[in-house]
N, C-alpha and C. Protein backbone atom coordinates (compact mmCIF):
# COMPACT_ATOMS: atom_id res chain seq x y z
N MET A 1 68.55 -9.08 -15.26
CA MET A 1 67.81 -10.37 -15.16
C MET A 1 66.22 -9.92 -15.24
N THR A 2 65.53 -10.75 -15.92
CA THR A 2 64.07 -10.53 -16.04
C THR A 2 63.40 -11.52 -15.11
N SER A 3 62.31 -11.08 -14.47
CA SER A 3 61.39 -11.82 -13.65
C SER A 3 60.45 -12.46 -14.39
N PRO A 4 59.76 -13.69 -13.97
CA PRO A 4 58.83 -14.22 -14.74
C PRO A 4 57.65 -13.51 -15.07
N SER A 5 57.24 -12.47 -14.10
CA SER A 5 56.18 -11.54 -14.40
C SER A 5 56.38 -10.69 -15.39
N ASP A 6 57.54 -10.31 -15.86
CA ASP A 6 57.81 -9.27 -16.85
C ASP A 6 57.64 -10.13 -18.28
N THR A 7 57.84 -11.34 -18.33
CA THR A 7 57.81 -12.04 -19.62
C THR A 7 56.29 -12.52 -20.03
N LEU A 8 55.26 -12.39 -18.86
CA LEU A 8 53.89 -12.96 -19.22
C LEU A 8 53.15 -11.99 -19.98
N ASP A 9 52.44 -12.31 -20.85
CA ASP A 9 51.45 -11.45 -21.62
C ASP A 9 50.14 -11.19 -20.76
N PRO A 10 49.77 -9.95 -20.35
CA PRO A 10 48.75 -9.71 -19.50
C PRO A 10 47.35 -10.24 -20.03
N ALA A 11 47.43 -10.26 -21.48
CA ALA A 11 46.06 -10.55 -22.07
C ALA A 11 45.75 -12.14 -21.97
N SER A 12 46.97 -12.78 -21.80
CA SER A 12 46.79 -14.32 -21.62
C SER A 12 46.07 -14.76 -20.47
N SER A 13 46.05 -14.04 -19.39
CA SER A 13 45.25 -14.33 -18.14
C SER A 13 43.78 -14.17 -18.37
N PHE A 14 43.36 -13.49 -19.39
CA PHE A 14 41.90 -13.37 -19.80
C PHE A 14 41.28 -14.31 -20.87
N ARG A 15 42.24 -15.21 -21.26
CA ARG A 15 41.76 -16.20 -22.41
C ARG A 15 40.92 -17.31 -21.64
N PRO A 16 39.97 -17.68 -22.27
CA PRO A 16 39.18 -18.76 -21.65
C PRO A 16 40.17 -20.01 -21.69
N ARG A 17 39.57 -20.85 -20.57
CA ARG A 17 40.49 -22.21 -20.48
C ARG A 17 39.99 -23.24 -21.49
N ARG A 18 40.62 -23.94 -22.02
CA ARG A 18 40.30 -24.93 -22.83
C ARG A 18 40.26 -26.39 -22.01
N GLY A 19 38.91 -27.07 -22.27
CA GLY A 19 38.92 -28.19 -21.68
C GLY A 19 38.09 -28.17 -20.39
N GLY A 20 37.81 -26.97 -19.98
CA GLY A 20 37.06 -26.86 -18.79
C GLY A 20 35.58 -26.33 -19.22
N ARG A 21 34.71 -26.61 -18.21
CA ARG A 21 33.29 -26.44 -18.53
C ARG A 21 33.07 -24.89 -18.57
N GLU A 22 32.29 -24.41 -19.56
CA GLU A 22 31.96 -23.06 -19.71
C GLU A 22 30.27 -23.02 -19.69
N GLY A 23 29.74 -22.48 -18.45
CA GLY A 23 28.44 -22.44 -18.41
C GLY A 23 27.60 -23.54 -17.77
N PHE A 24 26.20 -23.69 -18.01
CA PHE A 24 25.49 -24.56 -17.36
C PHE A 24 24.83 -25.33 -18.43
N THR A 25 24.52 -26.74 -18.04
CA THR A 25 23.80 -27.47 -19.10
C THR A 25 22.24 -27.17 -18.84
N LEU A 26 21.54 -27.59 -19.96
CA LEU A 26 20.16 -27.33 -19.93
C LEU A 26 19.45 -28.06 -18.61
N VAL A 27 19.78 -29.24 -18.51
CA VAL A 27 19.31 -29.90 -17.26
C VAL A 27 19.55 -29.23 -15.95
N GLU A 28 20.52 -28.55 -15.78
CA GLU A 28 20.89 -27.69 -14.58
C GLU A 28 20.13 -26.67 -14.50
N VAL A 29 19.77 -25.94 -15.62
CA VAL A 29 18.80 -24.71 -15.59
C VAL A 29 17.63 -25.06 -15.37
N LEU A 30 17.03 -26.21 -15.99
CA LEU A 30 15.93 -26.65 -15.65
C LEU A 30 15.39 -27.00 -14.27
N VAL A 31 16.46 -27.77 -13.54
CA VAL A 31 16.37 -28.09 -12.07
C VAL A 31 16.23 -26.76 -11.29
N VAL A 32 17.11 -25.77 -11.60
CA VAL A 32 17.01 -24.55 -10.83
C VAL A 32 15.59 -23.99 -10.99
N LEU A 33 15.04 -23.86 -12.20
CA LEU A 33 13.81 -23.34 -12.49
C LEU A 33 12.67 -23.92 -11.85
N VAL A 34 12.72 -25.26 -11.74
CA VAL A 34 11.68 -26.07 -10.99
C VAL A 34 11.75 -25.76 -9.61
N ILE A 35 13.01 -25.72 -8.95
CA ILE A 35 13.09 -25.45 -7.48
C ILE A 35 12.54 -23.96 -7.29
N ILE A 36 12.65 -22.95 -8.11
CA ILE A 36 12.41 -21.65 -7.96
C ILE A 36 10.91 -21.58 -7.99
N GLY A 37 10.17 -22.54 -9.03
CA GLY A 37 8.75 -22.54 -9.16
C GLY A 37 8.17 -22.92 -7.88
N LEU A 38 8.83 -24.06 -7.40
CA LEU A 38 8.07 -24.75 -6.20
C LEU A 38 8.35 -23.71 -4.88
N LEU A 39 9.34 -22.98 -4.65
CA LEU A 39 9.34 -22.08 -3.80
C LEU A 39 8.31 -20.87 -3.89
N GLY A 40 8.11 -20.56 -5.14
CA GLY A 40 7.13 -19.49 -5.40
C GLY A 40 5.59 -20.19 -5.02
N LEU A 41 5.45 -21.28 -5.31
CA LEU A 41 4.12 -22.01 -4.95
C LEU A 41 3.96 -22.04 -3.39
N LEU A 42 4.94 -22.16 -2.53
CA LEU A 42 4.97 -22.24 -1.17
C LEU A 42 4.85 -20.85 -0.63
N VAL A 43 5.50 -19.83 -1.21
CA VAL A 43 5.42 -18.50 -0.66
C VAL A 43 4.37 -17.59 -1.04
N ALA A 44 3.82 -17.79 -2.19
CA ALA A 44 2.89 -16.97 -2.93
C ALA A 44 1.49 -16.76 -2.00
N PRO A 45 1.02 -18.01 -1.49
CA PRO A 45 -0.19 -17.77 -0.72
C PRO A 45 -0.02 -17.07 0.58
N ASN A 46 1.00 -17.02 1.29
CA ASN A 46 1.34 -16.39 2.35
C ASN A 46 1.54 -14.80 2.09
N LEU A 47 2.02 -14.53 0.82
CA LEU A 47 2.13 -13.12 0.52
C LEU A 47 0.98 -12.47 0.23
N VAL A 48 0.06 -13.29 -0.49
CA VAL A 48 -1.13 -12.81 -0.83
C VAL A 48 -2.00 -12.54 0.45
N ALA A 49 -1.82 -13.40 1.42
CA ALA A 49 -2.54 -13.26 2.73
C ALA A 49 -2.17 -11.99 3.35
N ARG A 50 -0.87 -11.78 3.46
CA ARG A 50 -0.16 -10.59 4.07
C ARG A 50 -0.60 -9.34 3.41
N LEU A 51 -0.85 -9.24 2.09
CA LEU A 51 -1.01 -8.16 1.27
C LEU A 51 -2.47 -7.69 1.85
N GLY A 52 -3.40 -8.69 1.74
CA GLY A 52 -4.67 -8.35 2.20
C GLY A 52 -4.95 -7.80 3.50
N LYS A 53 -4.21 -8.42 4.53
CA LYS A 53 -4.13 -7.83 5.86
C LYS A 53 -3.37 -6.51 5.81
N ALA A 54 -2.50 -6.34 5.16
CA ALA A 54 -1.88 -4.93 5.12
C ALA A 54 -2.63 -3.74 4.65
N LYS A 55 -3.61 -4.19 3.68
CA LYS A 55 -4.42 -3.28 3.08
C LYS A 55 -5.37 -2.81 4.16
N GLY A 56 -5.99 -3.73 4.82
CA GLY A 56 -6.81 -3.56 6.07
C GLY A 56 -6.10 -2.72 7.08
N GLU A 57 -5.02 -2.98 7.41
CA GLU A 57 -4.19 -2.20 8.29
C GLU A 57 -4.20 -0.66 7.85
N ALA A 58 -3.63 -0.66 6.60
CA ALA A 58 -3.68 0.67 5.99
C ALA A 58 -4.88 1.62 5.97
N ALA A 59 -6.00 0.88 5.81
CA ALA A 59 -7.36 1.50 5.74
C ALA A 59 -7.55 1.94 7.19
N GLN A 60 -7.29 1.24 8.13
CA GLN A 60 -7.58 1.55 9.50
C GLN A 60 -6.87 2.71 9.80
N ALA A 61 -5.52 2.81 9.56
CA ALA A 61 -4.79 4.05 9.58
C ALA A 61 -5.25 5.27 8.93
N GLN A 62 -5.71 5.11 7.74
CA GLN A 62 -6.32 6.18 7.03
C GLN A 62 -7.50 6.59 7.61
N ILE A 63 -8.30 5.76 8.18
CA ILE A 63 -9.52 6.25 8.79
C ILE A 63 -9.15 6.88 10.12
N ASN A 64 -8.15 6.44 10.85
CA ASN A 64 -7.69 7.30 11.83
C ASN A 64 -7.31 8.83 11.73
N THR A 65 -6.71 8.84 10.60
CA THR A 65 -6.37 10.24 10.20
C THR A 65 -7.45 11.06 9.72
N LEU A 66 -8.46 10.36 9.19
CA LEU A 66 -9.76 11.09 8.73
C LEU A 66 -10.41 11.62 10.01
N VAL A 67 -10.53 10.80 11.01
CA VAL A 67 -11.20 10.97 12.14
C VAL A 67 -10.50 12.31 12.73
N SER A 68 -9.30 12.41 12.73
CA SER A 68 -8.53 13.40 13.25
C SER A 68 -8.77 14.82 12.58
N ALA A 69 -8.95 14.51 11.20
CA ALA A 69 -9.16 15.60 10.39
C ALA A 69 -10.51 16.31 10.65
N VAL A 70 -11.47 15.36 10.64
CA VAL A 70 -12.76 15.74 11.06
C VAL A 70 -12.99 16.47 12.24
N ASP A 71 -12.33 15.89 13.30
CA ASP A 71 -12.36 16.55 14.64
C ASP A 71 -11.68 18.03 14.62
N LEU A 72 -10.51 18.14 13.82
CA LEU A 72 -10.10 19.41 13.73
C LEU A 72 -10.96 20.35 12.94
N PHE A 73 -11.57 19.89 11.99
CA PHE A 73 -12.67 20.75 11.32
C PHE A 73 -13.73 21.18 12.20
N TYR A 74 -14.07 20.33 13.15
CA TYR A 74 -15.19 20.68 14.16
C TYR A 74 -14.64 21.71 15.21
N VAL A 75 -13.25 21.64 15.59
CA VAL A 75 -12.74 22.63 16.58
C VAL A 75 -12.73 23.98 15.73
N ASP A 76 -12.42 24.03 14.40
CA ASP A 76 -12.27 25.31 13.82
C ASP A 76 -13.81 25.84 13.38
N VAL A 77 -14.61 25.16 12.85
CA VAL A 77 -15.80 25.63 12.24
C VAL A 77 -16.91 25.54 13.24
N GLY A 78 -16.68 24.60 14.24
CA GLY A 78 -17.98 24.54 15.31
C GLY A 78 -19.06 23.59 14.91
N ARG A 79 -18.78 22.67 13.85
CA ARG A 79 -19.65 21.69 13.37
C ARG A 79 -18.97 20.65 12.60
N TYR A 80 -19.52 19.58 12.49
CA TYR A 80 -19.06 18.60 11.56
C TYR A 80 -19.35 18.83 10.08
N PRO A 81 -18.56 18.32 9.27
CA PRO A 81 -19.10 18.42 7.84
C PRO A 81 -20.42 17.83 7.61
N THR A 82 -21.18 18.36 6.76
CA THR A 82 -22.67 17.90 6.57
C THR A 82 -22.62 16.71 5.62
N ALA A 83 -23.62 16.03 5.57
CA ALA A 83 -23.54 14.78 4.79
C ALA A 83 -23.43 15.28 3.24
N ASN A 84 -23.95 16.44 2.79
CA ASN A 84 -23.70 17.11 1.55
C ASN A 84 -22.33 17.35 1.34
N GLU A 85 -21.76 18.06 2.37
CA GLU A 85 -20.23 18.34 2.04
C GLU A 85 -19.30 17.19 2.15
N GLY A 86 -19.88 16.07 2.93
CA GLY A 86 -18.77 15.01 2.99
C GLY A 86 -17.54 15.23 3.35
N LEU A 87 -16.63 14.41 3.09
CA LEU A 87 -15.32 14.46 3.57
C LEU A 87 -14.48 15.51 2.60
N GLU A 88 -15.09 15.89 1.51
CA GLU A 88 -14.50 16.85 0.59
C GLU A 88 -14.31 18.34 1.47
N ALA A 89 -15.11 18.38 2.51
CA ALA A 89 -14.91 19.61 3.16
C ALA A 89 -13.69 19.70 4.00
N LEU A 90 -12.89 18.52 4.01
CA LEU A 90 -11.71 18.57 4.67
C LEU A 90 -10.46 19.07 3.81
N LEU A 91 -10.91 19.18 2.53
CA LEU A 91 -9.81 19.61 1.51
C LEU A 91 -10.30 20.94 0.90
N THR A 92 -11.50 21.36 0.85
CA THR A 92 -12.06 22.55 0.26
C THR A 92 -13.06 23.25 1.02
N ALA A 93 -12.72 24.35 1.40
CA ALA A 93 -13.75 25.12 2.25
C ALA A 93 -15.16 25.29 1.97
N PRO A 94 -15.97 24.72 2.67
CA PRO A 94 -17.42 25.08 2.41
C PRO A 94 -17.71 26.46 2.32
N ALA A 95 -18.65 26.86 1.46
CA ALA A 95 -19.06 28.21 1.22
C ALA A 95 -19.68 28.79 2.58
N GLY A 96 -19.26 30.05 2.87
CA GLY A 96 -19.79 30.66 3.95
C GLY A 96 -19.10 30.36 5.32
N ASP A 97 -18.02 29.43 5.39
CA ASP A 97 -17.56 29.14 6.72
C ASP A 97 -16.27 29.88 6.72
N ALA A 98 -16.15 31.14 7.49
CA ALA A 98 -15.02 31.91 7.52
C ALA A 98 -14.07 31.31 8.45
N ASN A 99 -14.37 30.40 9.37
CA ASN A 99 -13.56 29.86 10.51
C ASN A 99 -12.70 28.58 9.94
N TRP A 100 -12.87 28.16 8.59
CA TRP A 100 -12.47 27.04 8.08
C TRP A 100 -10.80 27.39 7.91
N ARG A 101 -10.04 26.44 8.50
CA ARG A 101 -8.66 26.77 8.61
C ARG A 101 -7.87 25.64 7.87
N GLY A 102 -8.63 24.95 6.95
CA GLY A 102 -7.96 23.77 6.22
C GLY A 102 -6.92 24.19 5.09
N PRO A 103 -6.61 23.34 4.42
CA PRO A 103 -7.10 22.06 4.31
C PRO A 103 -6.56 21.07 5.41
N TYR A 104 -7.35 20.18 5.71
CA TYR A 104 -7.12 19.24 6.80
C TYR A 104 -6.34 18.14 6.61
N LEU A 105 -6.32 17.76 5.19
CA LEU A 105 -5.58 16.73 4.77
C LEU A 105 -4.70 17.20 3.62
N ARG A 106 -3.40 16.55 3.40
CA ARG A 106 -2.57 16.88 2.37
C ARG A 106 -2.82 16.58 1.03
N LYS A 107 -3.63 15.34 0.83
CA LYS A 107 -3.79 14.90 -0.49
C LYS A 107 -5.32 14.46 -0.72
N ARG A 108 -5.71 14.49 -1.84
CA ARG A 108 -7.16 14.06 -2.11
C ARG A 108 -7.12 12.43 -2.09
N GLN A 109 -6.03 11.99 -2.35
CA GLN A 109 -5.96 10.47 -2.28
C GLN A 109 -6.30 9.89 -0.83
N ALA A 110 -6.18 10.70 0.17
CA ALA A 110 -6.42 10.30 1.60
C ALA A 110 -8.02 9.87 1.73
N LEU A 111 -8.81 10.53 0.70
CA LEU A 111 -10.19 10.06 0.80
C LEU A 111 -10.61 8.90 0.11
N VAL A 112 -9.66 8.07 -0.43
CA VAL A 112 -9.76 6.74 -1.13
C VAL A 112 -9.20 5.63 -0.46
N ASP A 113 -9.78 4.63 -0.33
CA ASP A 113 -9.26 3.40 0.58
C ASP A 113 -8.30 2.67 -0.26
N PRO A 114 -7.65 1.75 0.24
CA PRO A 114 -6.52 0.99 -0.32
C PRO A 114 -7.12 0.33 -1.65
N TRP A 115 -8.41 0.03 -1.58
CA TRP A 115 -8.99 -0.74 -2.68
C TRP A 115 -9.54 0.18 -3.94
N GLY A 116 -9.39 1.43 -3.72
CA GLY A 116 -9.62 2.35 -4.82
C GLY A 116 -11.32 2.90 -4.58
N ASN A 117 -11.85 2.58 -3.53
CA ASN A 117 -13.02 3.13 -3.26
C ASN A 117 -13.14 4.30 -2.18
N ALA A 118 -14.07 5.28 -2.61
CA ALA A 118 -14.03 6.40 -1.76
C ALA A 118 -14.56 5.84 -0.16
N TYR A 119 -13.96 6.57 0.92
CA TYR A 119 -14.48 6.27 2.28
C TYR A 119 -15.76 6.68 2.50
N HIS A 120 -16.78 5.97 3.07
CA HIS A 120 -18.04 6.28 3.32
C HIS A 120 -17.98 7.14 4.72
N TYR A 121 -18.91 8.38 4.69
CA TYR A 121 -19.02 9.26 5.74
C TYR A 121 -20.48 9.46 6.08
N LYS A 122 -20.85 9.15 7.23
CA LYS A 122 -22.23 9.33 7.64
C LYS A 122 -22.36 10.20 8.74
N VAL A 123 -23.19 11.29 8.65
CA VAL A 123 -23.50 12.21 9.87
C VAL A 123 -24.91 12.42 9.99
N PRO A 124 -25.54 12.50 10.99
CA PRO A 124 -25.08 11.82 12.19
C PRO A 124 -24.82 10.33 12.17
N GLY A 125 -23.94 9.70 12.72
CA GLY A 125 -23.63 8.44 12.70
C GLY A 125 -24.37 7.50 13.50
N ASP A 126 -24.32 6.18 13.22
CA ASP A 126 -24.98 5.24 14.01
C ASP A 126 -24.26 4.82 15.28
N HIS A 127 -22.88 5.26 15.19
CA HIS A 127 -22.03 4.86 16.36
C HIS A 127 -21.49 6.09 17.07
N GLY A 128 -21.80 7.15 16.74
CA GLY A 128 -21.23 8.53 17.22
C GLY A 128 -21.63 9.59 16.62
N ALA A 129 -21.09 10.83 16.78
CA ALA A 129 -21.57 11.98 15.91
C ALA A 129 -21.49 11.74 14.30
N TYR A 130 -20.43 10.94 14.09
CA TYR A 130 -20.32 10.71 12.76
C TYR A 130 -19.61 9.27 12.53
N ASP A 131 -19.69 8.64 11.47
CA ASP A 131 -19.18 7.40 11.06
C ASP A 131 -18.23 7.36 9.76
N ILE A 132 -17.21 7.01 9.81
CA ILE A 132 -16.24 6.88 8.77
C ILE A 132 -15.84 5.42 8.55
N PHE A 133 -16.08 4.94 7.28
CA PHE A 133 -16.01 3.60 7.03
C PHE A 133 -15.58 3.12 5.62
N SER A 134 -14.89 1.88 5.55
CA SER A 134 -14.63 1.35 4.22
C SER A 134 -15.23 -0.07 4.17
N LEU A 135 -15.79 -0.50 2.93
CA LEU A 135 -16.63 -1.64 3.01
C LEU A 135 -15.56 -2.78 2.42
N GLY A 136 -14.11 -2.44 2.42
CA GLY A 136 -13.34 -3.56 2.00
C GLY A 136 -13.19 -3.84 0.68
N SER A 137 -12.58 -4.92 0.30
CA SER A 137 -12.21 -5.10 -1.08
C SER A 137 -13.44 -5.45 -2.03
N ASP A 138 -14.56 -5.89 -1.39
CA ASP A 138 -15.68 -6.22 -2.16
C ASP A 138 -16.65 -4.97 -2.30
N ASN A 139 -16.18 -3.85 -1.55
CA ASN A 139 -17.14 -2.68 -1.58
C ASN A 139 -18.67 -3.04 -1.10
N ALA A 140 -18.81 -4.17 -0.22
CA ALA A 140 -20.07 -4.55 0.17
C ALA A 140 -20.24 -4.65 1.74
N PRO A 141 -21.35 -4.28 2.15
CA PRO A 141 -21.26 -4.60 3.79
C PRO A 141 -20.96 -6.01 4.23
N GLY A 142 -20.18 -6.18 5.40
CA GLY A 142 -19.76 -7.34 5.79
C GLY A 142 -18.58 -7.83 5.27
N GLY A 143 -18.32 -9.33 5.33
CA GLY A 143 -17.21 -9.94 4.64
C GLY A 143 -16.06 -10.31 5.58
N ASP A 144 -15.34 -11.06 5.17
CA ASP A 144 -14.14 -11.59 5.91
C ASP A 144 -12.88 -11.25 5.23
N GLY A 145 -11.70 -11.31 5.88
CA GLY A 145 -10.42 -11.35 5.36
C GLY A 145 -10.45 -9.93 4.64
N ASP A 146 -10.03 -9.91 3.55
CA ASP A 146 -9.66 -8.74 2.55
C ASP A 146 -10.90 -8.00 2.34
N ALA A 147 -12.09 -8.66 2.39
CA ALA A 147 -13.49 -8.17 2.19
C ALA A 147 -14.15 -7.48 3.47
N ARG A 148 -13.42 -7.59 4.59
CA ARG A 148 -14.03 -7.07 5.91
C ARG A 148 -14.16 -5.56 5.78
N ASP A 149 -15.19 -5.12 6.57
CA ASP A 149 -15.32 -3.70 6.77
C ASP A 149 -14.37 -3.03 7.68
N VAL A 150 -13.93 -1.95 7.45
CA VAL A 150 -13.03 -1.16 8.39
C VAL A 150 -13.69 -0.02 8.85
N ASN A 151 -13.78 0.31 10.08
CA ASN A 151 -14.46 1.58 10.53
C ASN A 151 -13.84 2.31 11.62
N SER A 152 -14.45 3.48 12.03
CA SER A 152 -13.97 4.38 13.04
C SER A 152 -14.49 4.11 14.38
N TRP A 153 -15.27 3.25 14.55
CA TRP A 153 -15.95 3.10 15.77
C TRP A 153 -15.37 1.79 16.61
C-alpha cells in the first residue's frame, strides 16, 4: 500500500497559489511610506538634539583625559607643557627633556574635539595652572547647545 505522502510531488508545494494575492498594491506601499516619513519627522529632532549633547559629553570626557595626561607630564618632567609645545608635548618628547616618559596619549586624534577642531591649551591658565577647552561646534567663544564651550575648570 502506498501512503498519500508517497504520491505527492515535492515540487508541487512550492508552486504559487492561483487566485490568491501576490504582493502589495501601490496604495499599501504608499501608505507605509507616509507612515515611516511621519515617524521620521517626529523622531529626527530628538535624535539631532541628542547627537549635539553626546558630542558635548564626549568633549568633556576627552578634556578629562587630556587633564590627566598633562598632570602625568608634570609628574615626570616637573613642569607643564609650555605654550609653544602645546598639547603636542603629550605625544612627542620636547627637546632636552630626559625625564619625559610618554607618550601620554595613545592617538593624535585625542587632541581634536568631536567637531574636528584642535583643543585649546593655555598656560598659565586663567582658571588654574593651565586651561584646556573646546569652543564647541561653532569654534567661537560662548554659545548654547551644541555650540557651548566645554572646559577643564
